[in-house]
């Protein structure tokens, strides 16, 4: 389809989660509470780990603080825009703003996937090679692994951005979602997108699936190892691994469902998008800290320190 330059799309219209004004007001209140929980929960995890010397020196909690930081940033990509759109009829986003959402969504999302893989390796070493755990997972290696996660996310997101930026968009411009993402945007291009959709599946879809299968396999190996060590006081490690598996499932299942399906879309895609961008970042702090004695103790210590500081300031 050939169009003149002045017919090129300069903005997209986001259809959102509902067209009913009453339902939008209700959703605004619900997701506002979710967003506050995301910010406070993940910020609390980051501050707790960074302020506690014992936790900060532990590889597991060091990675956990980075996971919470990523979740905190990931929630800021789509949720604030969604909250603002709930309160107005005109739900538009500029073309450059749409590209920015795609870039940061995939940058942070891929970094989180790689980080979860690193955390699975950390648990594998802690359980299968406990005597040499601190030697293997030394601080230098931890820094290198985290840096590699961020670099992997950057390369993945740049690749996704290249897929979109070269496409011509000349209308229509209605996106059936509450944020810009690759599958919906590609379908609006006024050209044949077969190759682009195949590349999207090979990049995002297969990346999510392979990471998910590798993680599941690693945790199966860990659980098999734990079966022979439960009598040696490994119950705490089993609980930690169960939390990790739950987080992995919440993140990877929606991603595999959305990005491993080219050429078609379903109404349920929005629900999976909500899980990926809102529910999972909100639940991660609860899953990792609710039954974690070390985190609970550190949070209580942090609270006491804050209360003491407030009392001293008042005096």
Protein backbone atom coordinates (compact mmCIF):
# COMPACT_ATOMS: atom_id res chain seq x y z
CA UNK A 1 0.00 0.00 0.00
CA UNK A 2 1.52 3.30 -1.11
CA UNK A 3 0.73 6.42 0.87
CA UNK A 4 1.96 9.96 0.81
CA UNK A 5 4.26 11.23 3.54
CA UNK A 6 1.51 13.32 5.11
CA UNK A 7 -0.60 10.21 5.63
CA UNK A 8 1.96 8.50 7.83
CA UNK A 9 0.80 7.70 11.37
CA UNK A 10 2.17 10.12 13.97
CA UNK A 11 0.27 8.71 16.95
CA UNK A 12 -1.60 5.61 18.04
CA UNK A 13 -4.97 5.35 19.80
CA UNK A 14 -4.92 2.96 22.77
CA UNK A 15 -8.21 1.08 23.13
CA UNK A 16 -7.48 0.37 26.82
CA UNK A 17 -9.12 -2.22 29.02
CA UNK A 18 -12.68 -0.88 28.77
CA UNK A 19 -14.74 1.75 26.96
CA UNK A 20 -17.19 2.23 29.85
CA UNK A 21 -16.53 5.40 31.91
CA UNK A 22 -17.78 3.80 35.15
CA UNK A 23 -15.61 0.73 34.70
CA UNK A 24 -12.61 2.92 33.88
CA UNK A 25 -13.03 4.84 37.16
CA UNK A 26 -13.23 1.55 39.05
CA UNK A 27 -10.13 0.22 37.26
CA UNK A 28 -8.30 3.48 37.99
CA UNK A 29 -8.75 2.99 41.74
CA UNK A 30 -7.78 -0.70 41.58
CA UNK A 31 -4.66 -0.18 39.48
CA UNK A 32 -3.66 2.88 41.50
CA UNK A 33 -3.57 0.66 44.58
CA UNK A 34 -1.63 -1.96 42.61
CA UNK A 35 0.89 0.66 41.46
CA UNK A 36 1.41 2.02 44.97
CA UNK A 37 1.96 -1.57 46.17
CA UNK A 38 4.47 -2.18 43.37
CA UNK A 39 6.47 0.96 44.15
CA UNK A 40 6.45 0.55 47.94
CA UNK A 41 7.02 -3.23 47.90
CA UNK A 42 9.93 -3.26 45.46
CA UNK A 43 11.46 -0.11 46.92
CA UNK A 44 11.33 -1.70 50.37
CA UNK A 45 13.18 -4.78 49.11
CA UNK A 46 15.89 -2.67 47.45
CA UNK A 47 16.38 -0.42 50.49
CA UNK A 48 16.35 -3.36 52.91
CA UNK A 49 19.02 -5.30 51.00
CA UNK A 50 21.20 -2.26 50.37
CA UNK A 51 21.05 -1.13 54.02
CA UNK A 52 21.81 -4.55 55.50
CA UNK A 53 25.45 -5.62 55.24
CA UNK A 54 24.69 -9.32 55.65
CA UNK A 55 22.03 -9.36 52.91
CA UNK A 56 24.02 -7.13 50.57
CA UNK A 57 26.98 -9.52 50.70
CA UNK A 58 24.76 -12.53 49.97
CA UNK A 59 24.58 -13.34 46.22
CA UNK A 60 20.93 -14.41 46.45
CA UNK A 61 19.76 -11.15 48.02
CA UNK A 62 22.07 -9.12 45.80
CA UNK A 63 20.27 -10.57 42.76
CA UNK A 64 16.90 -10.12 44.48
CA UNK A 65 17.52 -6.40 44.94
CA UNK A 66 18.27 -6.09 41.22
CA UNK A 67 15.09 -8.04 40.41
CA UNK A 68 13.04 -5.63 42.52
CA UNK A 69 14.73 -2.66 40.86
CA UNK A 70 13.83 -4.05 37.42
CA UNK A 71 10.22 -4.66 38.51
CA UNK A 72 10.04 -1.11 39.85
CA UNK A 73 11.26 0.30 36.53
CA UNK A 74 9.13 -2.08 34.46
CA UNK A 75 5.95 -0.95 36.19
CA UNK A 76 6.78 2.66 35.29
CA UNK A 77 6.81 1.88 31.56
CA UNK A 78 3.08 1.28 31.12
CA UNK A 79 1.16 1.72 34.38
CA UNK A 80 1.39 5.56 34.81
CA UNK A 81 0.20 6.05 31.22
CA UNK A 82 -2.62 3.56 31.79
CA UNK A 83 -3.73 5.37 34.97
CA UNK A 84 -3.82 8.69 33.12
CA UNK A 85 -5.81 7.18 30.25
CA UNK A 86 -8.45 5.88 32.66
CA UNK A 87 -9.36 9.50 33.43
CA UNK A 88 -9.67 10.79 29.87
CA UNK A 89 -11.50 9.84 26.71
CA UNK A 90 -8.65 10.62 24.33
CA UNK A 91 -6.18 7.75 24.82
CA UNK A 92 -3.39 8.52 22.39
CA UNK A 93 0.35 8.00 22.40
CA UNK A 94 2.85 9.54 19.98
CA UNK A 95 4.80 7.35 17.58
CA UNK A 96 8.06 8.13 19.40
CA UNK A 97 6.38 7.46 22.75
CA UNK A 98 5.19 4.12 21.44
CA UNK A 99 8.71 3.18 20.34
CA UNK A 100 10.02 4.20 23.77
CA UNK A 101 7.50 1.93 25.49
CA UNK A 102 8.50 -1.00 23.26
CA UNK A 103 12.19 -0.37 23.89
CA UNK A 104 12.01 -0.13 27.69
CA UNK A 105 9.45 -2.92 27.99
CA UNK A 106 11.72 -5.37 26.17
CA UNK A 107 14.92 -4.00 27.69
CA UNK A 108 13.68 -4.49 31.25
CA UNK A 109 11.70 -7.65 30.46
CA UNK A 110 14.62 -9.44 28.81
CA UNK A 111 17.01 -8.29 31.56
CA UNK A 112 14.61 -9.78 34.11
CA UNK A 113 14.47 -13.08 32.23
CA UNK A 114 18.25 -13.32 32.13
CA UNK A 115 18.46 -12.34 35.81
CA UNK A 116 16.01 -15.09 36.77
CA UNK A 117 18.23 -17.55 34.91
CA UNK A 118 21.21 -16.28 36.89
CA UNK A 119 19.23 -16.64 40.13
CA UNK A 120 18.44 -20.26 39.21
CA UNK A 121 22.17 -20.89 38.70
CA UNK A 122 22.85 -19.25 42.07
CA UNK A 123 20.39 -21.62 43.77
CA UNK A 124 21.89 -24.58 41.90
CA UNK A 125 25.38 -23.78 43.22
CA UNK A 126 24.06 -23.13 46.75
CA UNK A 127 22.29 -26.49 46.89
CA UNK A 128 24.48 -28.79 44.81
CA UNK A 129 27.85 -27.33 45.82
CA UNK A 130 27.27 -25.66 49.21
CA UNK A 131 30.85 -25.95 50.49
CA UNK A 132 32.21 -23.87 47.62
CA UNK A 133 29.18 -21.61 47.20
CA UNK A 134 30.77 -18.33 48.33
CA UNK A 135 33.94 -19.12 46.43
CA UNK A 136 32.10 -19.77 43.17
CA UNK A 137 29.52 -16.99 43.57
CA UNK A 138 32.03 -14.33 44.53
CA UNK A 139 31.27 -10.62 44.28
CA UNK A 140 33.17 -10.15 41.02
CA UNK A 141 31.21 -12.94 39.32
CA UNK A 142 27.93 -11.52 40.65
CA UNK A 143 28.75 -8.10 39.19
CA UNK A 144 29.69 -9.66 35.86
CA UNK A 145 26.50 -11.72 35.71
CA UNK A 146 24.28 -8.72 36.47
CA UNK A 147 26.12 -6.65 33.88
CA UNK A 148 25.64 -9.45 31.34
CA UNK A 149 21.89 -9.47 32.10
CA UNK A 150 21.61 -5.74 31.39
CA UNK A 151 23.68 -6.09 28.19
CA UNK A 152 21.51 -8.99 27.02
CA UNK A 153 18.38 -6.95 27.64
CA UNK A 154 19.83 -4.02 25.72
CA UNK A 155 20.72 -6.14 22.68
CA UNK A 156 17.30 -7.79 22.69
CA UNK A 157 15.40 -4.49 22.91
CA UNK A 158 17.49 -2.86 20.18
CA UNK A 159 16.69 -5.80 17.90
CA UNK A 160 12.97 -5.42 18.64
CA UNK A 161 13.11 -1.69 17.97
CA UNK A 162 14.79 -2.25 14.60
CA UNK A 163 11.94 -4.57 13.60
CA UNK A 164 9.37 -1.82 14.20
CA UNK A 165 11.15 1.36 13.17
CA UNK A 166 11.62 0.20 9.57
CA UNK A 167 7.90 -0.52 9.04
CA UNK A 168 5.59 2.00 7.30
CA UNK A 169 2.46 3.01 9.22
CA UNK A 170 -0.25 4.82 7.25
CA UNK A 171 -3.44 3.82 9.09
CA UNK A 172 -5.44 2.52 10.86
CA UNK A 173 -3.81 3.47 14.16
CA UNK A 174 -6.01 1.79 16.81
CA UNK A 175 -4.03 -0.42 19.24
CA UNK A 176 -6.18 -2.95 21.07
CA UNK A 177 -4.23 -2.73 24.31
CA UNK A 178 -3.37 -0.29 27.12
CA UNK A 179 0.25 0.13 26.03
CA UNK A 180 2.39 -0.28 22.91
CA UNK A 181 3.84 -3.71 22.31
CA UNK A 182 5.35 -5.41 19.32
CA UNK A 183 2.57 -7.87 18.30
CA UNK A 184 -0.17 -5.21 18.14
CA UNK A 185 2.01 -2.53 16.51
CA UNK A 186 3.31 -4.85 13.78
CA UNK A 187 -0.24 -5.71 12.71
CA UNK A 188 -0.92 -2.00 11.96
CA UNK A 189 1.89 -1.73 9.42
CA UNK A 190 0.68 -1.10 5.86
CA UNK A 191 2.95 -3.75 4.34
CA UNK A 192 3.45 -7.50 4.45
CA UNK A 193 4.67 -8.33 7.97
CA UNK A 194 5.19 -12.08 7.57
CA UNK A 195 8.98 -11.92 7.88
CA UNK A 196 8.82 -9.42 10.75
CA UNK A 197 6.41 -11.60 12.72
CA UNK A 198 8.61 -14.65 12.20
CA UNK A 199 11.60 -12.63 13.44
CA UNK A 200 9.55 -11.50 16.45
CA UNK A 201 8.77 -15.12 17.32
CA UNK A 202 12.40 -16.16 16.89
CA UNK A 203 13.57 -13.25 19.04
CA UNK A 204 11.01 -12.73 21.80
CA UNK A 205 9.02 -15.97 21.63
CA UNK A 206 11.86 -18.45 21.46
CA UNK A 207 13.91 -16.43 23.97
CA UNK A 208 11.06 -16.66 26.49
CA UNK A 209 10.45 -20.36 25.78
CA UNK A 210 14.11 -21.41 25.92
CA UNK A 211 14.76 -19.47 29.14
CA UNK A 212 11.59 -20.93 30.65
CA UNK A 213 12.55 -24.52 29.75
CA UNK A 214 16.12 -24.03 31.00
CA UNK A 215 14.80 -22.64 34.28
CA UNK A 216 12.31 -25.48 34.73
CA UNK A 217 15.02 -28.05 34.03
CA UNK A 218 17.40 -26.41 36.50
CA UNK A 219 14.78 -26.37 39.24
CA UNK A 220 13.89 -30.01 38.56
CA UNK A 221 17.56 -30.87 39.09
CA UNK A 222 17.59 -28.79 42.27
CA UNK A 223 14.43 -30.44 43.62
CA UNK A 224 15.79 -33.91 42.89
CA UNK A 225 18.95 -32.98 44.78
CA UNK A 226 16.90 -31.62 47.69
CA UNK A 227 14.99 -34.87 48.05
CA UNK A 228 18.14 -36.53 49.37
CA UNK A 229 19.01 -33.64 51.68
CA UNK A 230 15.75 -32.70 53.37
CA UNK A 231 16.85 -34.54 56.49
CA UNK A 232 19.96 -32.35 56.56
CA UNK A 233 18.02 -29.15 57.20
CA UNK A 234 17.40 -28.18 53.57
CA UNK A 235 13.74 -27.28 54.09
CA UNK A 236 14.53 -23.55 53.89
CA UNK A 237 16.18 -24.02 50.49
CA UNK A 238 13.13 -25.95 49.25
CA UNK A 239 10.88 -23.04 50.26
CA UNK A 240 13.18 -20.58 48.45
CA UNK A 241 13.14 -22.68 45.27
CA UNK A 242 9.34 -22.96 45.39
CA UNK A 243 9.15 -19.14 45.50
CA UNK A 244 11.50 -18.89 42.53
CA UNK A 245 9.44 -21.37 40.49
CA UNK A 246 6.27 -19.39 41.21
CA UNK A 247 7.88 -16.12 40.07
CA UNK A 248 9.29 -17.78 36.95
CA UNK A 249 5.87 -19.15 36.01
CA UNK A 250 4.13 -15.79 36.52
CA UNK A 251 6.63 -14.05 34.26
CA UNK A 252 7.31 -16.58 31.51
CA UNK A 253 3.88 -18.10 30.88
CA UNK A 254 2.33 -14.76 29.73
CA UNK A 255 5.41 -13.95 27.63
CA UNK A 256 5.40 -17.34 25.90
CA UNK A 257 1.65 -17.04 25.26
CA UNK A 258 1.94 -13.55 23.74
CA UNK A 259 5.19 -13.69 21.78
CA UNK A 260 5.19 -17.29 20.53
CA UNK A 261 1.98 -16.77 18.52
CA UNK A 262 2.49 -14.88 15.25
CA UNK A 263 -0.29 -13.87 12.85
CA UNK A 264 -3.13 -14.04 15.38
CA UNK A 265 -4.37 -12.31 18.53
CA UNK A 266 -6.98 -13.06 21.18
CA UNK A 267 -9.00 -10.90 23.56
CA UNK A 268 -7.34 -12.69 26.48
CA UNK A 269 -4.00 -11.10 25.45
CA UNK A 270 -4.89 -8.04 27.54
CA UNK A 271 -5.24 -10.19 30.66
CA UNK A 272 -1.80 -11.71 30.09
CA UNK A 273 -0.41 -8.21 29.50
CA UNK A 274 -1.83 -7.08 32.86
CA UNK A 275 -0.16 -10.06 34.57
CA UNK A 276 3.19 -9.28 32.95
CA UNK A 277 3.23 -5.52 33.57
CA UNK A 278 1.26 -5.16 36.83
CA UNK A 279 0.47 -8.34 38.76
CA UNK A 280 3.91 -9.98 38.64
CA UNK A 281 5.88 -6.87 39.75
CA UNK A 282 3.39 -6.49 42.60
CA UNK A 283 3.57 -10.12 43.75
CA UNK A 284 7.34 -10.60 43.50
CA UNK A 285 8.18 -8.76 46.76
CA UNK A 286 5.45 -10.69 48.59
CA UNK A 287 6.55 -14.05 47.21
CA UNK A 288 10.21 -13.51 48.07
CA UNK A 289 9.79 -11.86 51.48
CA UNK A 290 6.57 -13.18 53.03
CA UNK A 291 8.12 -16.44 54.27
CA UNK A 292 11.75 -15.31 54.26
CA UNK A 293 13.07 -15.03 57.80
CA UNK A 294 16.22 -13.13 56.81
CA UNK A 295 14.25 -10.47 54.92
CA UNK A 296 11.65 -10.14 57.69
CA UNK A 297 14.39 -9.71 60.30
CA UNK A 298 16.19 -7.12 58.17
CA UNK A 299 12.95 -5.20 57.58
CA UNK A 300 12.23 -5.09 61.30
CA UNK A 301 15.76 -3.83 61.94
CA UNK A 302 15.31 -1.18 59.24
CA UNK A 303 12.04 -0.08 60.79
CA UNK A 304 13.64 0.21 64.24
CA UNK A 305 16.49 2.25 62.80
CA UNK A 306 14.05 4.59 61.03
CA UNK A 307 11.98 5.03 64.19
CA UNK A 308 15.12 5.74 66.21
CA UNK A 309 16.28 8.29 63.64
CA UNK A 310 12.86 10.00 63.68
CA UNK A 311 12.92 10.22 67.48
CA UNK A 312 16.42 11.72 67.46
CA UNK A 313 15.38 14.30 64.85
CA UNK A 314 12.36 15.36 66.92
CA UNK A 315 14.58 15.88 69.95
